[in-house]
Structures are given as structure tokens and as C-alpha cells.
Protein backbone atom coordinates (compact mmCIF):
# COMPACT_ATOMS: atom_id res chain seq x y z
CA UNK A 1 -0.16 0.07 0.07
CA UNK A 2 2.78 2.44 0.88
CA UNK A 3 4.59 1.62 -2.46
CA UNK A 4 1.45 2.25 -4.32
CA UNK A 5 0.83 5.62 -2.44
CA UNK A 6 4.38 6.69 -3.28
CA UNK A 7 4.07 5.87 -6.88
CA UNK A 8 1.02 7.94 -7.23
CA UNK A 9 2.50 10.92 -5.20
CA UNK A 10 5.58 10.73 -7.48
CA UNK A 11 3.57 10.93 -10.62
CA UNK A 12 2.00 14.09 -9.25
CA UNK A 13 5.25 15.41 -8.17
CA UNK A 14 6.95 14.86 -11.78
CA UNK A 15 4.28 16.40 -13.68
CA UNK A 16 4.25 19.46 -11.16
CA UNK A 17 8.08 19.74 -11.83
CA UNK A 18 7.43 19.51 -15.87
CA UNK A 19 4.87 22.19 -15.29
CA UNK A 20 2.19 20.04 -16.60
CA UNK A 21 -0.31 21.36 -14.09
CA UNK A 22 -3.52 20.26 -15.08
CA UNK A 23 -2.08 16.45 -15.33
CA UNK A 24 -0.66 17.08 -11.88
CA UNK A 25 -3.89 18.15 -10.30
CA UNK A 26 -5.84 15.31 -12.12
CA UNK A 27 -3.48 12.79 -10.57
CA UNK A 28 -3.42 14.32 -7.18
CA UNK A 29 -7.29 14.24 -6.92
CA UNK A 30 -7.16 10.63 -8.04
CA UNK A 31 -4.33 9.84 -5.49
CA UNK A 32 -6.76 11.47 -2.74
CA UNK A 33 -9.72 9.39 -4.04
CA UNK A 34 -7.70 5.87 -4.53
CA UNK A 35 -5.95 6.34 -1.29
CA UNK A 36 -7.92 7.84 1.25
CA UNK A 37 -9.33 4.57 2.65
CA UNK A 38 -5.98 2.87 2.45
CA UNK A 39 -3.37 5.11 4.30
CA UNK A 40 -3.71 7.53 7.40
CA UNK A 41 -4.78 10.99 6.89
CA UNK A 42 -1.43 12.29 7.93
CA UNK A 43 0.13 10.73 4.75
CA UNK A 44 -2.33 12.29 2.60
CA UNK A 45 -1.67 15.91 4.21
CA UNK A 46 2.08 15.21 3.61
CA UNK A 47 1.49 14.72 0.08
CA UNK A 48 -0.74 17.66 -0.31
CA UNK A 49 1.96 19.85 1.87
CA UNK A 50 4.45 19.58 -0.98
CA UNK A 51 4.74 23.30 -2.12
CA UNK A 52 5.61 22.35 -5.73
CA UNK A 53 2.49 20.21 -6.07
CA UNK A 54 0.52 22.77 -4.13
CA UNK A 55 1.59 25.16 -6.90
CA UNK A 56 0.02 22.93 -9.49
CA UNK A 57 -3.39 23.73 -7.94
CA UNK A 58 -2.66 27.33 -7.78
CA UNK A 59 -1.62 27.50 -11.31
CA UNK A 60 -4.98 25.87 -12.58
CA UNK A 61 -6.84 28.47 -10.40
CA UNK A 62 -7.58 25.71 -7.46
CA UNK A 63 -5.95 27.17 -4.65
CA UNK A 64 -9.14 27.50 -2.57
CA UNK A 65 -9.96 23.84 -3.28
CA UNK A 66 -6.49 22.67 -2.13
CA UNK A 67 -6.74 24.88 0.95
CA UNK A 68 -10.30 23.24 1.70
CA UNK A 69 -9.20 19.69 1.12
CA UNK A 70 -5.85 20.22 3.03
CA UNK A 71 -7.42 22.05 5.81
CA UNK A 72 -10.07 19.42 6.34
CA UNK A 73 -7.28 16.82 6.81
CA UNK A 74 -5.44 18.99 9.15
CA UNK A 75 -8.33 20.12 11.33
CA UNK A 76 -9.39 16.66 12.01
CA UNK A 77 -5.72 15.41 12.90
CA UNK A 78 -5.05 14.54 16.34
CA UNK A 79 -2.11 16.45 18.08
CA UNK A 80 0.25 13.63 18.37
CA UNK A 81 3.96 13.00 17.69
CA UNK A 82 3.20 10.91 14.70
CA UNK A 83 1.30 13.56 12.99
CA UNK A 84 3.61 16.59 14.02
CA UNK A 85 5.67 16.46 10.73
CA UNK A 86 2.88 16.61 8.22
CA UNK A 87 1.15 19.19 10.19
CA UNK A 88 4.34 21.30 10.36
CA UNK A 89 5.14 20.88 6.78
CA UNK A 90 1.45 21.91 5.88
CA UNK A 91 1.76 24.94 8.18
CA UNK A 92 5.10 25.99 6.55
CA UNK A 93 3.72 25.46 3.00
CA UNK A 94 0.78 27.91 3.99
CA UNK A 95 3.15 30.57 5.30
CA UNK A 96 5.80 30.39 2.53
CA UNK A 97 3.82 29.58 -0.63
CA UNK A 98 0.29 31.12 0.38
CA UNK A 99 0.06 33.75 2.78
CA UNK A 100 3.39 35.57 2.32
CA UNK A 101 3.33 35.63 -1.51
CA UNK A 102 -0.60 36.87 -1.20
CA UNK A 103 0.60 39.63 1.38
CA UNK A 104 -1.59 37.89 4.04
CA UNK A 105 0.86 38.80 6.70
CA UNK A 106 -1.35 38.64 9.64
CA UNK A 107 -2.54 35.01 8.65
CA UNK A 108 1.08 34.17 8.19
CA UNK A 109 2.02 35.47 11.76
CA UNK A 110 -0.60 33.51 13.02
CA UNK A 111 0.40 30.46 11.10
CA UNK A 112 3.88 30.85 12.27
CA UNK A 113 2.60 30.83 15.82
CA UNK A 114 1.15 27.52 15.05
CA UNK A 115 3.99 25.95 13.62
CA UNK A 116 6.43 26.99 16.55
CA UNK A 117 3.87 25.53 19.10
CA UNK A 118 4.04 22.13 17.18
CA UNK A 119 8.00 22.24 17.04
CA UNK A 120 8.45 23.22 20.56
CA UNK A 121 6.02 20.67 21.86
CA UNK A 122 7.69 17.85 20.29
CA UNK A 123 11.31 19.34 20.13
CA UNK A 124 12.62 16.33 22.46
CA UNK A 125 11.16 13.74 20.05
CA UNK A 126 11.03 15.05 16.57
CA UNK A 127 14.47 15.34 14.99
CA UNK A 128 13.57 18.10 12.44
CA UNK A 129 12.14 20.35 15.26
CA UNK A 130 15.13 22.51 15.60
CA UNK A 131 15.37 23.02 11.99
CA UNK A 132 11.81 24.13 11.69
CA UNK A 133 12.17 26.49 14.80
CA UNK A 134 15.01 28.18 12.89
CA UNK A 135 13.43 28.16 9.51
CA UNK A 136 10.26 29.89 10.86
CA UNK A 137 12.51 32.66 12.38
CA UNK A 138 13.41 33.29 8.92
CA UNK A 139 9.98 33.35 7.73
CA UNK A 140 9.28 35.99 10.79
CA UNK A 141 12.22 37.98 9.68
CA UNK A 142 10.97 38.19 5.98
CA UNK A 143 7.37 39.21 7.26
CA UNK A 144 8.80 41.95 9.69
CA UNK A 145 11.05 43.25 6.84
CA UNK A 146 8.25 43.57 4.44
CA UNK A 147 5.83 45.01 6.77
CA UNK A 148 8.69 47.41 8.07
CA UNK A 149 8.50 46.40 11.49
CA UNK A 150 11.89 47.36 12.19
CA UNK A 151 12.22 46.62 16.03
CA UNK A 152 10.86 43.13 15.47
CA UNK A 153 12.88 42.55 12.43
CA UNK A 154 16.26 43.47 14.44
CA UNK A 155 15.08 41.33 17.31
CA UNK A 156 14.38 38.28 15.21
CA UNK A 157 17.96 38.54 13.40
CA UNK A 158 19.46 38.66 17.01
CA UNK A 159 17.11 35.80 18.23
CA UNK A 160 17.88 33.87 15.30
CA UNK A 161 21.84 34.16 15.56
CA UNK A 162 21.52 33.08 19.40
CA UNK A 163 19.45 30.24 18.51
CA UNK A 164 21.67 28.93 15.87
CA UNK A 165 24.53 29.32 18.30
CA UNK A 166 22.70 27.32 21.04
CA UNK A 167 21.73 24.98 18.48
CA UNK A 168 25.65 24.37 17.36
CA UNK A 169 26.50 23.82 21.13
CA UNK A 170 23.75 21.25 21.29
CA UNK A 171 24.88 19.27 18.35
CA UNK A 172 28.47 19.38 19.96
CA UNK A 173 27.16 17.87 23.14
CA UNK A 174 25.07 15.16 21.19
CA UNK A 175 28.30 14.23 19.36
CA UNK A 176 30.27 13.62 22.54
CA UNK A 177 27.57 12.00 24.64
CA UNK A 178 26.14 9.84 21.62
CA UNK A 179 28.96 9.33 19.12
CA UNK A 180 28.38 5.45 18.98
CA UNK A 181 24.40 5.52 18.98
CA UNK A 182 22.19 5.18 16.07
CA UNK A 183 18.89 6.31 15.54
CA UNK A 184 15.66 4.78 14.09
CA UNK A 185 14.48 7.35 11.96
CA UNK A 186 11.22 7.54 9.85
CA UNK A 187 12.15 8.84 6.50
CA UNK A 188 9.47 11.52 5.58
CA UNK A 189 9.94 11.00 1.98
CA UNK A 190 9.95 7.06 1.63
CA UNK A 191 7.97 6.79 4.77
CA UNK A 192 10.54 3.73 5.55
CA UNK A 193 12.40 3.32 8.83
CA UNK A 194 16.14 3.87 8.40
CA UNK A 195 19.15 3.62 10.61
CA UNK A 196 21.38 6.58 10.98
CA UNK A 197 24.17 7.78 13.15
CA UNK A 198 22.50 9.93 15.52
CA UNK A 199 25.17 12.92 15.44
CA UNK A 200 25.28 12.67 11.59
CA UNK A 201 21.62 13.23 11.41
CA UNK A 202 21.30 16.26 13.74
CA UNK A 203 24.09 17.72 11.89
CA UNK A 204 22.43 17.52 8.63
CA UNK A 205 19.46 19.34 9.93
CA UNK A 206 21.55 21.94 11.53
CA UNK A 207 23.00 22.49 7.91
CA UNK A 208 19.53 23.00 6.51
CA UNK A 209 18.66 25.58 9.44
CA UNK A 210 21.92 27.52 8.90
CA UNK A 211 21.37 27.77 5.27
CA UNK A 212 17.75 28.83 5.40
CA UNK A 213 18.15 31.53 8.32
CA UNK A 214 21.48 32.80 6.29
CA UNK A 215 19.44 33.11 3.18
CA UNK A 216 16.62 35.12 4.81
CA UNK A 217 19.15 37.34 6.26
CA UNK A 218 20.89 38.03 2.91
CA UNK A 219 17.58 38.47 1.20
CA UNK A 220 16.35 40.95 3.59
CA UNK A 221 19.24 43.10 4.05
CA UNK A 222 21.23 41.44 6.88
């Protein structure tokens, strides 16, 4: 079932990358219809939360339909560790690909708050939480810069730098205390469990975080 789900997901993904938007949406709707009774709702939300694939719905003038379908799944989902990642990805896509481009900054700020709440709640369990908490600071920086909230912008830059320094120190501590340990990690892309060196996995997400926040600083004059 999972292989079928991923095969259908990547058909949509490939049509989206090829800018065959109508085909992408047709296959995405087919995925939702065929897989709704076979996979848990968090897997469907994970598929809908891909910003590239969401863009196909937008290009076809179907953003409101995408919002309706994805929000229905999101609103019915329980607040658990197993659902924290797809819920966070969905909120991140809303912020970066829907609200900010549309100039809906108050909606974006509200959604940033929800995203922060998820990442903070599961920060000790979810491997990607610290990356998300850095990334959302970049989103806030962009919003404050665009809306000329200079004090909040400067504070966000300072907070982001401090958070990254704390993140780096935490990585160093993890590397010393658990250098020989391995972690069972459920890959969000494949859905399969993989065995990783825990320090290496944390280092990978730290690099993502550093890159994302540094780009936002550069783009917004910092």
C-alpha cells in the first residue's frame, strides 16, 4: 500500500516539476480518491503539503480547493507525535507559498505561531524540530522586513543568531555523548524506517537550518 501511495505521489510530483499542472492536479485528485481509505490522513496531508505540487493547484486556479481539502485533513488530525511532521510541513507551506506571496501577513504570523507551538512541543522527540524552529524565524524576519516592523525585524535577527549558536553547542554535546549511538528514523519521503548515526542526522538538519536562516538574512538586507 505504501509503495502504491508513493508511486502515485511521485507521478504528481513529476508532472508538477514538468509544469504539466492540469495533469498533476488530475493525478493528485486521483491519489486522494484511491488512497483515502488505504493510508492514514497524515500521509495524505504530507502529499498535499508539498509546495511544488500545491503550486499546480494554484496554477490551475484551484488554490481554494487545495486549501479546503488540506485544511479538512489538518483540522481533523489529532495532536500527536506521529502527526507533528505533516502538520508542520502543511503550516510551513501555508506561510511560505500561500500567505506571504499573497501579502496576507497577519495570517502568516498566526500560522507561524502554530508552527512554533508544534515544533516546541515535540522538540525532544522530533528530529527536525530545531530546523523548523530556525526556519520559521527566517519567515518571521521576512514578514517583519516586508511590513516595516524594524524593531521586531532586528530582534528576530538577534534571536535567530542566538538560537543557531545554542543549536551548534547542542550538536557538539550530542556528538560527544552519543557518538556511537544509532537512531531509528522514519524518513518523511520514503515512509520507511532508516538507521542513521544520530550525530550525523542532527548535523544534517543543523546545516539546513543554517542555510535557511542565512538566506533570509541576506535577502532581507542583513
